[in-house]
Amino acid sequence: MQRSFRAHSWALLLSWPLAVTALPVTAAAADPVGQALDATIAANRGARDSQARINQLDDATRQMLERYRAATWQSQQLKVYAEQLEELANGQEAERDSLSRQLTEIDRTERELLPLMLRMVQGLESVVAEDLPFLQQERKDRVDGIKRLMSDPSTSNADKFKRILEAYQIEAEYGRTLGAERTQIDQRTVDVLRVGRTALYYLSTDGSQAGWWDAAARQWQTLDSEHITPIRRGLRMARETLAPDLLQLPMPQRLAAAPATETAR
């Protein structure tokens, strides 16, 4: 009986730890809310970690996209710049070829310009010598100055050519204007009226005698007194003391066909 009680007591003692150990498991199994909370917390933690990884990937992707866009923009800019450089290079090459041709033409022109200028000076000198005798000293001095300039090695061909053209322009202007000058004819002081390059008339300073230039005979001829007044008016117009108006003067061709009344040499 006593042995049986002791055996029963040891059986109880041995089973007690097992019962104690099994209590938490049984309690946990009996708490579904806790299990749900733990699962939710674990899921949130996993979602958070996943979102963090996604954010990292998103940031990396965004940076890569920005770098790609920047590289694309730079590539486009470089392409435009390269095209501009190519156009500039082509333009410079064309300009270089043009300048080369111009230099060749300039060399040829320089060789041809000097003979041309010499012929122009000779022609100008002939015009002054054979033209109506007005402003003779002034025009002769102009031609002589150009001739001296032509022999000056320090003066460029461009400046020489410019002076020749200016002289021709002055001569051309004479043909479109009235002119007046005081000069000597046969030791008499007279006022000479120039009508373009068509006719020359003179009037003595006392207004008593008038005349005209006979280009065929290359001498002065006298005019009837009826022409004194028109010549005087023409002189005033040429000196701009009278407004321009119609002048009635005898033409040299008609006067040359009529017999001269007197010759003034």
C-alpha atoms as a PDB file:
ATOM      1  CA  MET A   1       0.000   0.000   0.000  1.00  0.00           C
ATOM      2  CA  GLN A   2       2.728   2.399   0.908  1.00  0.00           C
ATOM      3  CA  ARG A   3       4.749   1.344  -2.140  1.00  0.00           C
ATOM      4  CA  SER A   4       1.772   2.018  -4.317  1.00  0.00           C
ATOM      5  CA  PHE A   5       1.373   5.547  -2.900  1.00  0.00           C
ATOM      6  CA  ARG A   6       5.014   6.370  -3.538  1.00  0.00           C
ATOM      7  CA  ALA A   7       4.808   5.158  -7.053  1.00  0.00           C
ATOM      8  CA  HIS A   8       1.766   7.268  -7.629  1.00  0.00           C
ATOM      9  CA  SER A   9       3.553  10.317  -6.149  1.00  0.00           C
ATOM     10  CA  TRP A  10       6.559   9.928  -8.426  1.00  0.00           C
ATOM     11  CA  ALA A  11       4.243   9.653 -11.410  1.00  0.00           C
ATOM     12  CA  LEU A  12       2.658  12.946 -10.477  1.00  0.00           C
ATOM     13  CA  LEU A  13       6.009  14.626 -10.024  1.00  0.00           C
ATOM     14  CA  LEU A  14       7.269  13.468 -13.393  1.00  0.00           C
ATOM     15  CA  SER A  15       4.159  14.589 -15.222  1.00  0.00           C
ATOM     16  CA  TRP A  16       4.076  18.108 -13.677  1.00  0.00           C
ATOM     17  CA  PRO A  17       6.874  19.650 -15.840  1.00  0.00           C
ATOM     18  CA  LEU A  18       5.283  18.255 -18.879  1.00  0.00           C
ATOM     19  CA  ALA A  19       2.052  19.917 -17.983  1.00  0.00           C
ATOM     20  CA  VAL A  20       3.793  23.200 -17.241  1.00  0.00           C
ATOM     21  CA  THR A  21       5.684  23.109 -20.522  1.00  0.00           C
ATOM     22  CA  ALA A  22       2.593  22.480 -22.525  1.00  0.00           C
ATOM     23  CA  LEU A  23       0.698  25.401 -21.032  1.00  0.00           C
ATOM     24  CA  PRO A  24       2.170  28.202 -23.278  1.00  0.00           C
ATOM     25  CA  VAL A  25       1.562  26.301 -26.426  1.00  0.00           C
ATOM     26  CA  THR A  26      -1.929  25.625 -25.464  1.00  0.00           C
ATOM     27  CA  ALA A  27      -2.440  29.277 -24.481  1.00  0.00           C
ATOM     28  CA  ALA A  28      -0.959  30.586 -27.695  1.00  0.00           C
ATOM     29  CA  ALA A  29      -3.036  28.241 -29.709  1.00  0.00           C
ATOM     30  CA  ALA A  30      -5.993  29.531 -27.865  1.00  0.00           C
ATOM     31  CA  ASP A  31      -5.228  33.293 -28.884  1.00  0.00           C
ATOM     32  CA  PRO A  32      -6.133  33.789 -32.609  1.00  0.00           C
ATOM     33  CA  VAL A  33      -6.173  37.617 -32.268  1.00  0.00           C
ATOM     34  CA  GLY A  34      -2.580  37.608 -31.207  1.00  0.00           C
ATOM     35  CA  GLN A  35      -1.696  35.367 -34.051  1.00  0.00           C
ATOM     36  CA  ALA A  36      -3.464  37.722 -36.476  1.00  0.00           C
ATOM     37  CA  LEU A  37      -1.692  40.740 -35.042  1.00  0.00           C
ATOM     38  CA  ASP A  38       1.638  39.027 -35.290  1.00  0.00           C
ATOM     39  CA  ALA A  39       0.930  38.059 -38.869  1.00  0.00           C
ATOM     40  CA  THR A  40      -0.180  41.591 -39.707  1.00  0.00           C
ATOM     41  CA  ILE A  41       2.912  43.073 -38.117  1.00  0.00           C
ATOM     42  CA  ALA A  42       5.104  40.628 -39.988  1.00  0.00           C
ATOM     43  CA  ALA A  43       3.274  41.369 -43.234  1.00  0.00           C
ATOM     44  CA  ASN A  44       3.596  45.133 -42.691  1.00  0.00           C
ATOM     45  CA  ARG A  45       7.257  44.708 -41.940  1.00  0.00           C
ATOM     46  CA  GLY A  46       7.696  42.738 -45.117  1.00  0.00           C
ATOM     47  CA  ALA A  47       5.666  45.264 -47.107  1.00  0.00           C
ATOM     48  CA  ARG A  48       7.756  48.076 -45.661  1.00  0.00           C
ATOM     49  CA  ASP A  49      10.960  46.340 -46.588  1.00  0.00           C
ATOM     50  CA  SER A  50       9.576  45.616 -50.038  1.00  0.00           C
ATOM     51  CA  GLN A  51       8.501  49.274 -50.442  1.00  0.00           C
ATOM     52  CA  ALA A  52      11.938  50.427 -49.338  1.00  0.00           C
ATOM     53  CA  ARG A  53      13.506  48.202 -51.959  1.00  0.00           C
ATOM     54  CA  ILE A  54      10.984  49.484 -54.537  1.00  0.00           C
ATOM     55  CA  ASN A  55      11.780  53.092 -53.581  1.00  0.00           C
ATOM     56  CA  GLN A  56      15.467  52.398 -53.972  1.00  0.00           C
ATOM     57  CA  LEU A  57      14.850  50.868 -57.360  1.00  0.00           C
ATOM     58  CA  ASP A  58      12.565  53.776 -58.297  1.00  0.00           C
ATOM     59  CA  ASP A  59      15.218  56.320 -57.293  1.00  0.00           C
ATOM     60  CA  ALA A  60      17.847  54.452 -59.274  1.00  0.00           C
ATOM     61  CA  THR A  61      15.487  54.225 -62.242  1.00  0.00           C
ATOM     62  CA  ARG A  62      14.702  57.952 -62.012  1.00  0.00           C
ATOM     63  CA  GLN A  63      18.396  58.826 -61.860  1.00  0.00           C
ATOM     64  CA  MET A  64      19.090  56.594 -64.839  1.00  0.00           C
ATOM     65  CA  LEU A  65      16.192  58.248 -66.729  1.00  0.00           C
ATOM     66  CA  GLU A  66      17.520  61.706 -65.928  1.00  0.00           C
ATOM     67  CA  ARG A  67      20.989  60.695 -67.077  1.00  0.00           C
ATOM     68  CA  TYR A  68      19.482  59.257 -70.247  1.00  0.00           C
ATOM     69  CA  ARG A  69      17.537  62.435 -70.949  1.00  0.00           C
ATOM     70  CA  ALA A  70      20.615  64.572 -70.294  1.00  0.00           C
ATOM     71  CA  ALA A  71      22.709  62.373 -72.567  1.00  0.00           C
ATOM     72  CA  THR A  72      20.028  62.535 -75.274  1.00  0.00           C
ATOM     73  CA  TRP A  73      19.793  66.343 -75.047  1.00  0.00           C
ATOM     74  CA  GLN A  74      23.579  66.684 -75.137  1.00  0.00           C
ATOM     75  CA  SER A  75      23.700  64.347 -78.121  1.00  0.00           C
ATOM     76  CA  GLN A  76      21.153  66.495 -79.960  1.00  0.00           C
ATOM     77  CA  GLN A  77      23.068  69.668 -79.134  1.00  0.00           C
ATOM     78  CA  LEU A  78      26.303  68.129 -80.302  1.00  0.00           C
ATOM     79  CA  LYS A  79      24.612  67.018 -83.511  1.00  0.00           C
ATOM     80  CA  VAL A  80      23.328  70.542 -84.198  1.00  0.00           C
ATOM     81  CA  TYR A  81      26.741  71.992 -83.353  1.00  0.00           C
ATOM     82  CA  ALA A  82      28.440  69.517 -85.662  1.00  0.00           C
ATOM     83  CA  GLU A  83      26.028  70.435 -88.473  1.00  0.00           C
ATOM     84  CA  GLN A  84      26.746  74.131 -87.920  1.00  0.00           C
ATOM     85  CA  LEU A  85      30.470  73.484 -87.961  1.00  0.00           C
ATOM     86  CA  GLU A  86      30.071  71.526 -91.170  1.00  0.00           C
ATOM     87  CA  GLU A  87      28.110  74.362 -92.786  1.00  0.00           C
ATOM     88  CA  LEU A  88      30.674  76.866 -91.546  1.00  0.00           C
ATOM     89  CA  ALA A  89      33.502  74.768 -92.892  1.00  0.00           C
ATOM     90  CA  ASN A  90      31.759  74.438 -96.250  1.00  0.00           C
ATOM     91  CA  GLY A  91      31.120  78.190 -96.337  1.00  0.00           C
ATOM     92  CA  GLN A  92      34.733  78.967 -95.452  1.00  0.00           C
ATOM     93  CA  GLU A  93      35.941  76.594 -98.117  1.00  0.00           C
ATOM     94  CA  ALA A  94      33.690  78.257-100.707  1.00  0.00           C
ATOM     95  CA  GLU A  95      34.865  81.693 -99.544  1.00  0.00           C
ATOM     96  CA  ARG A  96      38.462  80.578 -99.767  1.00  0.00           C
ATOM     97  CA  ASP A  97      37.916  79.378-103.322  1.00  0.00           C
ATOM     98  CA  SER A  98      36.189  82.665-104.167  1.00  0.00           C
ATOM     99  CA  LEU A  99      39.037  84.705-102.674  1.00  0.00           C
ATOM    100  CA  SER A 100      41.533  82.621-104.575  1.00  0.00           C
ATOM    101  CA  ARG A 101      39.699  83.335-107.835  1.00  0.00           C
ATOM    102  CA  GLN A 102      39.461  87.015-106.948  1.00  0.00           C
ATOM    103  CA  LEU A 103      43.183  87.199-106.259  1.00  0.00           C
ATOM    104  CA  THR A 104      43.845  85.648-109.626  1.00  0.00           C
ATOM    105  CA  GLU A 105      41.494  88.132-111.273  1.00  0.00           C
ATOM    106  CA  ILE A 106      43.069  91.015-109.355  1.00  0.00           C
ATOM    107  CA  ASP A 107      46.506  90.039-110.587  1.00  0.00           C
ATOM    108  CA  ARG A 108      45.191  89.969-114.134  1.00  0.00           C
ATOM    109  CA  THR A 109      43.315  93.226-113.632  1.00  0.00           C
ATOM    110  CA  GLU A 110      46.422  94.908-112.221  1.00  0.00           C
ATOM    111  CA  ARG A 111      48.324  93.967-115.347  1.00  0.00           C
ATOM    112  CA  GLU A 112      45.537  95.275-117.571  1.00  0.00           C
ATOM    113  CA  LEU A 113      44.707  98.368-115.507  1.00  0.00           C
ATOM    114  CA  LEU A 114      47.882 100.342-116.088  1.00  0.00           C
ATOM    115  CA  PRO A 115      47.632 100.381-119.905  1.00  0.00           C
ATOM    116  CA  LEU A 116      43.965 101.284-119.590  1.00  0.00           C
ATOM    117  CA  MET A 117      44.711 104.220-117.284  1.00  0.00           C
ATOM    118  CA  LEU A 118      47.416 105.502-119.598  1.00  0.00           C
ATOM    119  CA  ARG A 119      44.967 105.446-122.506  1.00  0.00           C
ATOM    120  CA  MET A 120      42.386 107.252-120.399  1.00  0.00           C
ATOM    121  CA  VAL A 121      44.850 110.002-119.484  1.00  0.00           C
ATOM    122  CA  GLN A 122      45.793 110.423-123.127  1.00  0.00           C
ATOM    123  CA  GLY A 123      42.123 110.630-124.071  1.00  0.00           C
ATOM    124  CA  LEU A 124      41.480 113.210-121.367  1.00  0.00           C
ATOM    125  CA  GLU A 125      44.396 115.293-122.554  1.00  0.00           C
ATOM    126  CA  SER A 126      43.086 115.162-126.121  1.00  0.00           C
ATOM    127  CA  VAL A 127      39.611 116.246-125.005  1.00  0.00           C
ATOM    128  CA  VAL A 128      40.990 119.278-123.205  1.00  0.00           C
ATOM    129  CA  ALA A 129      43.209 120.246-126.134  1.00  0.00           C
ATOM    130  CA  GLU A 130      40.522 119.847-128.812  1.00  0.00           C
ATOM    131  CA  ASP A 131      37.475 120.974-126.844  1.00  0.00           C
ATOM    132  CA  LEU A 132      35.956 124.439-126.607  1.00  0.00           C
ATOM    133  CA  PRO A 133      38.457 126.841-125.015  1.00  0.00           C
ATOM    134  CA  PHE A 134      36.945 127.290-121.573  1.00  0.00           C
ATOM    135  CA  LEU A 135      38.702 126.981-118.204  1.00  0.00           C
ATOM    136  CA  GLN A 136      41.775 126.034-120.202  1.00  0.00           C
ATOM    137  CA  GLN A 137      44.374 126.527-117.487  1.00  0.00           C
ATOM    138  CA  GLU A 138      42.298 124.768-114.821  1.00  0.00           C
ATOM    139  CA  ARG A 139      41.635 121.759-117.020  1.00  0.00           C
ATOM    140  CA  LYS A 140      45.234 121.582-118.235  1.00  0.00           C
ATOM    141  CA  ASP A 141      46.521 121.697-114.659  1.00  0.00           C
ATOM    142  CA  ARG A 142      44.173 118.837-113.760  1.00  0.00           C
ATOM    143  CA  VAL A 143      45.518 116.670-116.570  1.00  0.00           C
ATOM    144  CA  ASP A 144      49.129 117.518-115.708  1.00  0.00           C
ATOM    145  CA  GLY A 145      48.502 116.577-112.076  1.00  0.00           C
ATOM    146  CA  ILE A 146      47.158 113.189-113.112  1.00  0.00           C
ATOM    147  CA  LYS A 147      50.144 112.589-115.373  1.00  0.00           C
ATOM    148  CA  ARG A 148      52.505 113.303-112.490  1.00  0.00           C
ATOM    149  CA  LEU A 149      50.479 111.001-110.288  1.00  0.00           C
ATOM    150  CA  MET A 150      50.784 108.181-112.810  1.00  0.00           C
ATOM    151  CA  SER A 151      54.568 108.255-112.462  1.00  0.00           C
ATOM    152  CA  ASP A 152      54.468 108.239-108.658  1.00  0.00           C
ATOM    153  CA  PRO A 153      55.366 104.735-107.393  1.00  0.00           C
ATOM    154  CA  SER A 154      54.077 105.475-103.890  1.00  0.00           C
ATOM    155  CA  THR A 155      50.507 105.964-105.146  1.00  0.00           C
ATOM    156  CA  SER A 156      48.387 102.861-105.581  1.00  0.00           C
ATOM    157  CA  ASN A 157      46.681 102.028-108.838  1.00  0.00           C
ATOM    158  CA  ALA A 158      43.350 102.375-107.058  1.00  0.00           C
ATOM    159  CA  ASP A 159      44.068 106.009-106.135  1.00  0.00           C
ATOM    160  CA  LYS A 160      45.317 106.743-109.644  1.00  0.00           C
ATOM    161  CA  PHE A 161      42.231 105.254-111.216  1.00  0.00           C
ATOM    162  CA  LYS A 162      40.022 107.211-108.798  1.00  0.00           C
ATOM    163  CA  ARG A 163      41.648 110.503-109.809  1.00  0.00           C
ATOM    164  CA  ILE A 164      41.184 109.724-113.487  1.00  0.00           C
ATOM    165  CA  LEU A 165      37.504 108.895-112.970  1.00  0.00           C
ATOM    166  CA  GLU A 166      36.998 112.126-111.021  1.00  0.00           C
ATOM    167  CA  ALA A 167      38.511 114.104-113.890  1.00  0.00           C
ATOM    168  CA  TYR A 168      36.201 112.395-116.372  1.00  0.00           C
ATOM    169  CA  GLN A 169      33.211 113.120-114.140  1.00  0.00           C
ATOM    170  CA  ILE A 170      34.137 116.809-114.009  1.00  0.00           C
ATOM    171  CA  GLU A 171      34.456 116.919-117.765  1.00  0.00           C
ATOM    172  CA  ALA A 172      31.103 115.182-118.162  1.00  0.00           C
ATOM    173  CA  GLU A 173      29.476 117.701-115.811  1.00  0.00           C
ATOM    174  CA  TYR A 174      30.569 120.563-118.060  1.00  0.00           C
ATOM    175  CA  GLY A 175      28.238 119.220-120.729  1.00  0.00           C
ATOM    176  CA  ARG A 176      25.161 119.626-118.488  1.00  0.00           C
ATOM    177  CA  THR A 177      25.688 123.099-117.038  1.00  0.00           C
ATOM    178  CA  LEU A 178      26.076 126.767-117.823  1.00  0.00           C
ATOM    179  CA  GLY A 179      29.438 128.298-117.045  1.00  0.00           C
ATOM    180  CA  ALA A 180      30.901 131.773-116.860  1.00  0.00           C
ATOM    181  CA  GLU A 181      34.485 132.937-116.634  1.00  0.00           C
ATOM    182  CA  ARG A 182      36.458 136.128-117.180  1.00  0.00           C
ATOM    183  CA  THR A 183      39.367 135.818-119.561  1.00  0.00           C
ATOM    184  CA  GLN A 184      41.390 137.620-122.214  1.00  0.00           C
ATOM    185  CA  ILE A 185      40.549 137.616-125.918  1.00  0.00           C
ATOM    186  CA  ASP A 186      42.850 139.552-128.180  1.00  0.00           C
ATOM    187  CA  GLN A 187      44.149 141.492-125.159  1.00  0.00           C
ATOM    188  CA  ARG A 188      40.635 142.425-124.171  1.00  0.00           C
ATOM    189  CA  THR A 189      38.971 141.393-120.929  1.00  0.00           C
ATOM    190  CA  VAL A 190      35.696 139.644-121.659  1.00  0.00           C
ATOM    191  CA  ASP A 191      33.162 137.441-119.911  1.00  0.00           C
ATOM    192  CA  VAL A 192      32.701 134.057-121.579  1.00  0.00           C
ATOM    193  CA  LEU A 193      29.404 132.172-121.388  1.00  0.00           C
ATOM    194  CA  ARG A 194      29.557 128.404-121.820  1.00  0.00           C
ATOM    195  CA  VAL A 195      26.386 126.553-122.792  1.00  0.00           C
ATOM    196  CA  GLY A 196      27.207 122.930-121.977  1.00  0.00           C
ATOM    197  CA  ARG A 197      29.795 121.759-124.461  1.00  0.00           C
ATOM    198  CA  THR A 198      27.747 123.137-127.330  1.00  0.00           C
ATOM    199  CA  ALA A 199      28.626 126.788-127.594  1.00  0.00           C
ATOM    200  CA  LEU A 200      30.779 129.588-126.228  1.00  0.00           C
ATOM    201  CA  TYR A 201      29.852 133.271-126.305  1.00  0.00           C
ATOM    202  CA  TYR A 202      31.684 136.288-125.027  1.00  0.00           C
ATOM    203  CA  LEU A 203      30.643 139.755-123.940  1.00  0.00           C
ATOM    204  CA  SER A 204      33.026 142.611-123.421  1.00  0.00           C
ATOM    205  CA  THR A 205      33.137 144.021-119.907  1.00  0.00           C
ATOM    206  CA  ASP A 206      31.662 147.298-121.097  1.00  0.00           C
ATOM    207  CA  GLY A 207      28.819 145.379-122.778  1.00  0.00           C
ATOM    208  CA  SER A 208      29.451 146.887-126.169  1.00  0.00           C
ATOM    209  CA  GLN A 209      30.591 143.817-128.083  1.00  0.00           C
ATOM    210  CA  ALA A 210      29.605 140.164-128.251  1.00  0.00           C
ATOM    211  CA  GLY A 211      30.968 137.166-130.084  1.00  0.00           C
ATOM    212  CA  TRP A 212      30.999 133.343-130.356  1.00  0.00           C
ATOM    213  CA  TRP A 213      33.541 130.555-130.753  1.00  0.00           C
ATOM    214  CA  ASP A 214      33.832 129.082-134.238  1.00  0.00           C
ATOM    215  CA  ALA A 215      34.977 125.500-133.565  1.00  0.00           C
ATOM    216  CA  ALA A 216      35.609 124.752-137.246  1.00  0.00           C
ATOM    217  CA  ALA A 217      37.860 127.788-137.701  1.00  0.00           C
ATOM    218  CA  ARG A 218      39.041 127.572-134.077  1.00  0.00           C
ATOM    219  CA  GLN A 219      38.697 131.286-133.563  1.00  0.00           C
ATOM    220  CA  TRP A 220      36.324 133.855-132.089  1.00  0.00           C
ATOM    221  CA  GLN A 221      33.777 135.573-134.291  1.00  0.00           C
ATOM    222  CA  THR A 222      31.770 138.716-133.519  1.00  0.00           C
ATOM    223  CA  LEU A 223      28.001 138.803-133.143  1.00  0.00           C
ATOM    224  CA  ASP A 224      25.379 141.403-133.902  1.00  0.00           C
ATOM    225  CA  SER A 225      24.398 143.649-131.020  1.00  0.00           C
ATOM    226  CA  GLU A 226      20.958 142.004-130.816  1.00  0.00           C
ATOM    227  CA  HIS A 227      22.596 139.041-129.042  1.00  0.00           C
ATOM    228  CA  ILE A 228      24.194 141.149-126.301  1.00  0.00           C
ATOM    229  CA  THR A 229      21.163 141.059-124.011  1.00  0.00           C
ATOM    230  CA  PRO A 230      20.609 137.242-124.185  1.00  0.00           C
ATOM    231  CA  ILE A 231      24.325 136.677-123.527  1.00  0.00           C
ATOM    232  CA  ARG A 232      24.230 139.026-120.545  1.00  0.00           C
ATOM    233  CA  ARG A 233      21.213 137.145-119.163  1.00  0.00           C
ATOM    234  CA  GLY A 234      22.971 133.828-119.697  1.00  0.00           C
ATOM    235  CA  LEU A 235      26.015 135.074-117.789  1.00  0.00           C
ATOM    236  CA  ARG A 236      23.799 136.062-114.875  1.00  0.00           C
ATOM    237  CA  MET A 237      22.139 132.627-114.886  1.00  0.00           C
ATOM    238  CA  ALA A 238      25.533 130.913-114.931  1.00  0.00           C
ATOM    239  CA  ARG A 239      26.624 133.002-111.943  1.00  0.00           C
ATOM    240  CA  GLU A 240      23.303 132.244-110.238  1.00  0.00           C
ATOM    241  CA  THR A 241      22.310 135.885-109.927  1.00  0.00           C
ATOM    242  CA  LEU A 242      19.287 135.270-112.143  1.00  0.00           C
ATOM    243  CA  ALA A 243      16.807 132.420-112.005  1.00  0.00           C
ATOM    244  CA  PRO A 244      17.131 129.843-114.820  1.00  0.00           C
ATOM    245  CA  ASP A 245      15.016 130.713-117.822  1.00  0.00           C
ATOM    246  CA  LEU A 246      14.806 130.145-121.542  1.00  0.00           C
ATOM    247  CA  LEU A 247      17.736 131.594-123.497  1.00  0.00           C
ATOM    248  CA  GLN A 248      17.468 132.531-127.144  1.00  0.00           C
ATOM    249  CA  LEU A 249      20.994 132.338-128.506  1.00  0.00           C
ATOM    250  CA  PRO A 250      22.215 131.634-132.041  1.00  0.00           C
ATOM    251  CA  MET A 251      23.518 128.104-132.535  1.00  0.00           C
ATOM    252  CA  PRO A 252      27.112 127.782-133.721  1.00  0.00           C
ATOM    253  CA  GLN A 253      26.055 125.592-136.670  1.00  0.00           C
ATOM    254  CA  ARG A 254      23.764 128.332-138.000  1.00  0.00           C
ATOM    255  CA  LEU A 255      26.354 131.011-137.353  1.00  0.00           C
ATOM    256  CA  ALA A 256      29.042 128.976-139.105  1.00  0.00           C
ATOM    257  CA  ALA A 257      26.837 128.734-142.188  1.00  0.00           C
ATOM    258  CA  ALA A 258      26.480 132.547-142.325  1.00  0.00           C
ATOM    259  CA  PRO A 259      29.350 134.866-143.297  1.00  0.00           C
ATOM    260  CA  ALA A 260      31.232 136.224-140.302  1.00  0.00           C
ATOM    261  CA  THR A 261      31.101 139.948-139.825  1.00  0.00           C
ATOM    262  CA  GLU A 262      34.395 140.198-137.975  1.00  0.00           C
ATOM    263  CA  THR A 263      37.053 137.948-136.526  1.00  0.00           C
ATOM    264  CA  ALA A 264      38.438 138.406-133.052  1.00  0.00           C
ATOM    265  CA  ARG A 265      41.754 136.638-132.647  1.00  0.00           C
END
